[in-house]
Amino acid sequence: MMDECESILRVLTKKKHVIFTKRCNESILACLKLAKHLGYKDVHIPDQGGWITYSQYVKKLGLISHSVKTKSGLFEKFSTDSVLLMHSMPAYVALQDMKKLKAGLLINDVCGSIGTKNAKIGDLIVCSFGRWKPINFGSGGIIATDSKGFYDFLKSFESELDFEGLHKKLLQLRERLDFLNKKVSVVKTDLSDFDIIHKNENGLNVIVRFSSVFEKEKLIKYCQQNNYEFVECPRYIRVLDDAISVEIKRLDQ
């Protein structure tokens, strides 16, 4: 069943080589170790909308972290000869325009964008199969790349997974994305009078700014009445605004 999982993930990432890991954090750390091995010293990460271990692992490996200013997670335009580690669906609310990005080494976190064209762009692709992800298997992750040299360096990080269970979740991805996208549309309609961040973009969460305690309480009440989990911002892994993130991606079908 491992071969079947690899085959599906090669299509989803458009990469020749797939390495299964214990979790996406392992994938991120392994890719940064590769970057260091290749001689890179500088790693650029978004100022918001990324993942908590980005800067932690950069520091742990003795690399230099650079925060890149974004518009609620989205890059306006960015180019570097060094490493860019980023989430191609920042905060799970919008797809990054990947044409605006250039890097010496692009590490693309596709935990939210898997199943879209964004998940096929990058020198290294990392993804999680965690409980609240599009591929919500509950554990495990991958690294994908076209480079045989990168694969040879990274294959020591490979881990065994329950490939039969993962295969079932991979086959359900399109159905799950359709379900989540419909829920997002409902929430955006319900909250259309509020300040929705990246309102016209495609995402798996809905993040809404509030400008008063009254608005905040109204948003929380809406989430509670509809059994939507929520996260209060500012928070690095979402946005740095005063906002409520309606966590649609946590829903089960």
Protein backbone atom coordinates (compact mmCIF):
# COMPACT_ATOMS: atom_id res chain seq x y z
CA MET A 1 0.00 0.00 0.00
CA MET A 2 3.02 2.28 0.44
CA ASP A 3 3.51 2.34 -3.34
CA GLU A 4 -0.10 3.41 -3.88
CA CYS A 5 0.32 6.26 -1.36
CA GLU A 6 3.54 7.36 -3.04
CA SER A 7 1.85 7.34 -6.44
CA ILE A 8 -0.98 9.60 -5.28
CA LEU A 9 1.39 11.98 -3.51
CA ARG A 10 3.66 12.23 -6.54
CA VAL A 11 0.64 13.48 -8.48
CA LEU A 12 -0.45 15.88 -5.71
CA THR A 13 3.06 17.38 -5.41
CA LYS A 14 4.24 16.84 -8.99
CA LYS A 15 7.51 15.52 -7.59
CA LYS A 16 9.47 12.36 -8.42
CA HIS A 17 10.52 11.41 -4.89
CA VAL A 18 8.40 11.10 -1.75
CA ILE A 19 9.75 10.47 1.75
CA PHE A 20 7.35 9.61 4.57
CA THR A 21 8.15 11.06 8.01
CA LYS A 22 6.77 10.72 11.55
CA ARG A 23 5.31 14.22 11.37
CA CYS A 24 5.61 17.43 9.39
CA ASN A 25 7.90 18.99 12.01
CA GLU A 26 10.41 16.25 11.18
CA SER A 27 10.02 17.12 7.51
CA ILE A 28 10.70 20.82 8.16
CA LEU A 29 13.74 20.10 10.32
CA ALA A 30 15.14 17.65 7.76
CA CYS A 31 14.78 20.21 4.95
CA LEU A 32 16.56 22.86 7.02
CA LYS A 33 19.36 20.38 7.76
CA LEU A 34 19.66 19.85 4.02
CA ALA A 35 19.78 23.62 3.48
CA LYS A 36 22.62 23.89 5.99
CA HIS A 37 24.40 20.95 4.34
CA LEU A 38 24.13 22.78 1.01
CA GLY A 39 25.85 25.82 2.52
CA TYR A 40 22.89 28.12 3.07
CA LYS A 41 23.07 30.33 6.14
CA ASP A 42 20.02 32.60 5.81
CA VAL A 43 16.40 31.46 6.01
CA HIS A 44 13.51 33.81 5.23
CA ILE A 45 10.14 33.14 6.85
CA PRO A 46 6.84 35.07 6.77
CA ASP A 47 6.08 37.49 9.60
CA GLN A 48 2.71 35.76 10.13
CA GLY A 49 0.66 32.89 8.75
CA GLY A 50 3.48 30.36 9.05
CA TRP A 51 4.18 27.58 11.56
CA ILE A 52 5.68 27.86 15.05
CA THR A 53 8.67 25.60 14.39
CA TYR A 54 9.99 27.61 11.42
CA SER A 55 12.01 30.06 13.52
CA GLN A 56 12.64 27.49 16.29
CA TYR A 57 14.39 25.07 13.94
CA VAL A 58 16.30 27.81 12.13
CA LYS A 59 17.73 28.92 15.48
CA LYS A 60 18.34 25.33 16.61
CA LEU A 61 20.52 24.66 13.55
CA GLY A 62 22.51 27.87 13.94
CA LEU A 63 21.05 29.43 10.81
CA ILE A 64 19.98 33.07 10.54
CA SER A 65 16.27 33.82 10.48
CA HIS A 66 14.85 36.76 8.54
CA SER A 67 11.22 37.81 8.95
CA VAL A 68 9.55 38.90 5.71
CA LYS A 69 6.72 41.41 5.90
CA THR A 70 3.45 40.11 4.46
CA LYS A 71 -0.13 41.24 4.03
CA SER A 72 -1.87 39.03 6.58
CA GLY A 73 0.36 36.14 5.50
CA LEU A 74 0.50 36.84 1.76
CA PHE A 75 3.74 38.03 0.19
CA GLU A 76 3.43 41.08 -2.05
CA LYS A 77 6.58 40.00 -3.92
CA PHE A 78 9.79 38.43 -2.67
CA SER A 79 13.11 37.30 -4.12
CA THR A 80 16.20 35.86 -2.43
CA ASP A 81 19.27 33.83 -3.34
CA SER A 82 18.94 32.04 -0.01
CA VAL A 83 16.22 29.87 1.60
CA LEU A 84 12.54 30.74 1.69
CA LEU A 85 10.47 28.62 4.07
CA MET A 86 6.80 29.45 3.71
CA HIS A 87 3.21 28.23 3.81
CA SER A 88 1.51 28.35 0.42
CA MET A 89 -1.90 28.71 2.09
CA PRO A 90 -0.92 31.06 4.94
CA ALA A 91 -3.19 30.89 8.00
CA TYR A 92 -5.33 28.51 5.91
CA VAL A 93 -7.26 31.48 4.50
CA ALA A 94 -5.73 32.25 1.09
CA LEU A 95 -3.52 30.78 -1.61
CA GLN A 96 -0.21 32.53 -2.10
CA ASP A 97 0.58 33.74 -5.62
CA MET A 98 3.65 31.57 -6.08
CA LYS A 99 4.70 33.45 -9.23
CA LYS A 100 5.69 36.36 -6.97
CA LEU A 101 8.28 34.27 -5.14
CA LYS A 102 11.85 33.37 -6.08
CA ALA A 103 14.44 31.70 -3.87
CA GLY A 104 17.74 29.87 -3.99
CA LEU A 105 15.96 27.07 -2.16
CA LEU A 106 12.17 27.14 -1.81
CA ILE A 107 10.71 24.98 0.98
CA ASN A 108 6.95 24.95 0.48
CA ASP A 109 4.74 23.94 3.41
CA VAL A 110 1.59 22.63 1.71
CA CYS A 111 -0.31 21.53 4.83
CA GLY A 112 -3.23 23.69 3.70
CA SER A 113 -2.70 23.88 -0.05
CA ILE A 114 -2.42 20.14 -0.77
CA GLY A 115 -4.81 19.34 -3.58
CA THR A 116 -4.17 22.67 -5.33
CA LYS A 117 -1.58 23.79 -7.88
CA ASN A 118 0.29 25.57 -5.05
CA ALA A 119 1.29 22.20 -3.63
CA LYS A 120 3.29 21.44 -6.77
CA ILE A 121 5.70 24.38 -6.58
CA GLY A 122 9.02 24.34 -4.73
CA ASP A 123 12.38 22.61 -4.48
CA LEU A 124 11.16 20.81 -1.37
CA ILE A 125 7.54 20.14 -0.42
CA VAL A 126 6.54 19.36 3.17
CA CYS A 127 3.09 18.30 4.31
CA SER A 128 1.32 17.04 7.42
CA PHE A 129 -1.34 14.37 7.72
CA GLY A 130 -2.35 15.58 11.18
CA ARG A 131 -5.84 15.49 12.64
CA TRP A 132 -6.87 19.00 11.52
CA LYS A 133 -5.31 18.93 8.05
CA PRO A 134 -6.95 18.34 4.64
CA ILE A 135 -5.43 14.84 4.67
CA ASN A 136 -6.60 14.24 8.23
CA PHE A 137 -5.07 10.83 8.87
CA GLY A 138 -3.95 11.84 12.36
CA SER A 139 -0.18 11.45 12.09
CA GLY A 140 2.73 11.45 9.69
CA GLY A 141 3.99 13.72 6.96
CA ILE A 142 6.10 13.84 3.83
CA ILE A 143 8.96 15.51 2.04
CA ALA A 144 8.73 15.56 -1.75
CA THR A 145 11.37 16.66 -4.27
CA ASP A 146 12.50 16.20 -7.85
CA SER A 147 16.17 16.15 -6.86
CA LYS A 148 17.80 12.74 -6.54
CA GLY A 149 20.62 14.35 -4.53
CA PHE A 150 18.13 15.88 -2.08
CA TYR A 151 16.34 12.53 -1.83
CA ASP A 152 19.57 10.68 -1.05
CA PHE A 153 20.31 13.13 1.80
CA LEU A 154 16.77 13.05 3.22
CA LYS A 155 15.86 9.37 2.95
CA SER A 156 17.46 8.64 6.34
CA PHE A 157 14.53 10.55 7.87
CA GLU A 158 12.00 8.11 6.41
CA SER A 159 9.50 6.50 8.78
CA GLU A 160 6.96 3.70 8.61
CA LEU A 161 3.28 4.70 8.65
CA ASP A 162 -0.05 2.90 8.53
CA PHE A 163 -0.15 3.10 4.75
CA GLU A 164 -3.49 1.32 4.44
CA GLY A 165 -5.16 3.95 6.64
CA LEU A 166 -3.33 6.79 4.92
CA HIS A 167 -4.37 5.50 1.52
CA LYS A 168 -8.04 5.74 2.49
CA LYS A 169 -7.57 9.36 3.56
CA LEU A 170 -5.73 10.23 0.35
CA LEU A 171 -8.64 8.87 -1.68
CA GLN A 172 -11.03 11.03 0.37
CA LEU A 173 -9.07 14.28 -0.11
CA ARG A 174 -11.16 15.76 -2.93
CA GLU A 175 -14.40 15.00 -1.10
CA ARG A 176 -13.05 16.55 2.10
CA LEU A 177 -11.86 19.70 0.32
CA ASP A 178 -15.27 20.11 -1.30
CA PHE A 179 -16.92 19.77 2.11
CA LEU A 180 -14.62 22.33 3.74
CA ASN A 181 -14.92 24.80 0.88
CA LYS A 182 -18.72 24.70 1.10
CA LYS A 183 -18.57 25.35 4.85
CA VAL A 184 -16.20 28.28 4.28
CA SER A 185 -18.68 29.78 1.81
CA VAL A 186 -21.48 29.47 4.36
CA VAL A 187 -19.46 31.18 7.09
CA LYS A 188 -18.34 33.99 4.78
CA THR A 189 -21.98 34.60 3.85
CA ASP A 190 -23.10 34.53 7.49
CA LEU A 191 -20.36 36.99 8.50
CA SER A 192 -20.43 39.17 5.40
CA ASP A 193 -21.07 42.31 7.47
CA PHE A 194 -17.75 41.84 9.27
CA ASP A 195 -14.19 42.54 8.13
CA ILE A 196 -13.16 39.16 6.71
CA ILE A 197 -9.44 38.86 5.95
CA HIS A 198 -8.75 37.85 2.32
CA LYS A 199 -12.50 37.57 1.86
CA ASN A 200 -12.35 36.81 -1.87
CA GLU A 201 -9.54 34.26 -1.65
CA ASN A 202 -9.84 30.48 -1.34
CA GLY A 203 -9.00 28.97 2.04
CA LEU A 204 -10.02 26.43 4.66
CA ASN A 205 -10.54 28.86 7.57
CA VAL A 206 -12.31 32.19 7.88
CA ILE A 207 -10.51 34.92 9.83
CA VAL A 208 -12.52 37.97 10.85
CA ARG A 209 -11.13 41.19 12.34
CA PHE A 210 -12.94 42.80 15.26
CA SER A 211 -12.67 46.43 16.34
CA SER A 212 -14.49 46.23 19.66
CA VAL A 213 -15.30 43.88 22.52
CA PHE A 214 -18.87 43.78 21.25
CA GLU A 215 -17.79 42.53 17.80
CA LYS A 216 -15.42 40.00 19.35
CA GLU A 217 -18.15 38.59 21.59
CA LYS A 218 -20.58 38.46 18.68
CA LEU A 219 -18.09 36.43 16.61
CA ILE A 220 -17.39 34.05 19.48
CA LYS A 221 -21.11 33.57 20.06
CA TYR A 222 -21.57 32.76 16.36
CA CYS A 223 -18.86 30.09 16.57
CA GLN A 224 -20.32 28.58 19.72
CA GLN A 225 -23.86 28.47 18.33
CA ASN A 226 -22.66 26.71 15.18
CA ASN A 227 -20.17 24.38 16.91
CA TYR A 228 -17.17 25.90 15.13
CA GLU A 229 -13.86 25.83 16.97
CA PHE A 230 -12.08 29.16 16.91
CA VAL A 231 -8.70 30.73 17.66
CA GLU A 232 -8.24 34.26 18.95
CA CYS A 233 -5.63 36.42 17.26
CA PRO A 234 -3.09 38.03 17.16
CA ARG A 235 -1.28 34.73 16.75
CA TYR A 236 1.74 34.00 14.55
CA ILE A 237 0.30 30.87 12.95
CA ARG A 238 -2.78 32.83 11.88
CA VAL A 239 -2.56 36.66 11.67
CA LEU A 240 -1.23 39.49 13.82
CA ASP A 241 -4.51 41.42 13.79
CA ASP A 242 -7.18 41.47 16.49
CA ALA A 243 -9.34 38.76 14.97
CA ILE A 244 -11.19 35.49 15.41
CA SER A 245 -10.13 32.56 13.24
CA VAL A 246 -13.08 30.26 12.54
CA GLU A 247 -11.37 26.89 12.27
CA ILE A 248 -13.37 25.26 9.50
CA LYS A 249 -10.50 22.86 8.72
CA ARG A 250 -11.08 21.18 12.08
CA LEU A 251 -14.55 19.98 11.05
CA ASP A 252 -15.26 16.32 10.49
CA GLN A 253 -17.63 15.26 7.77
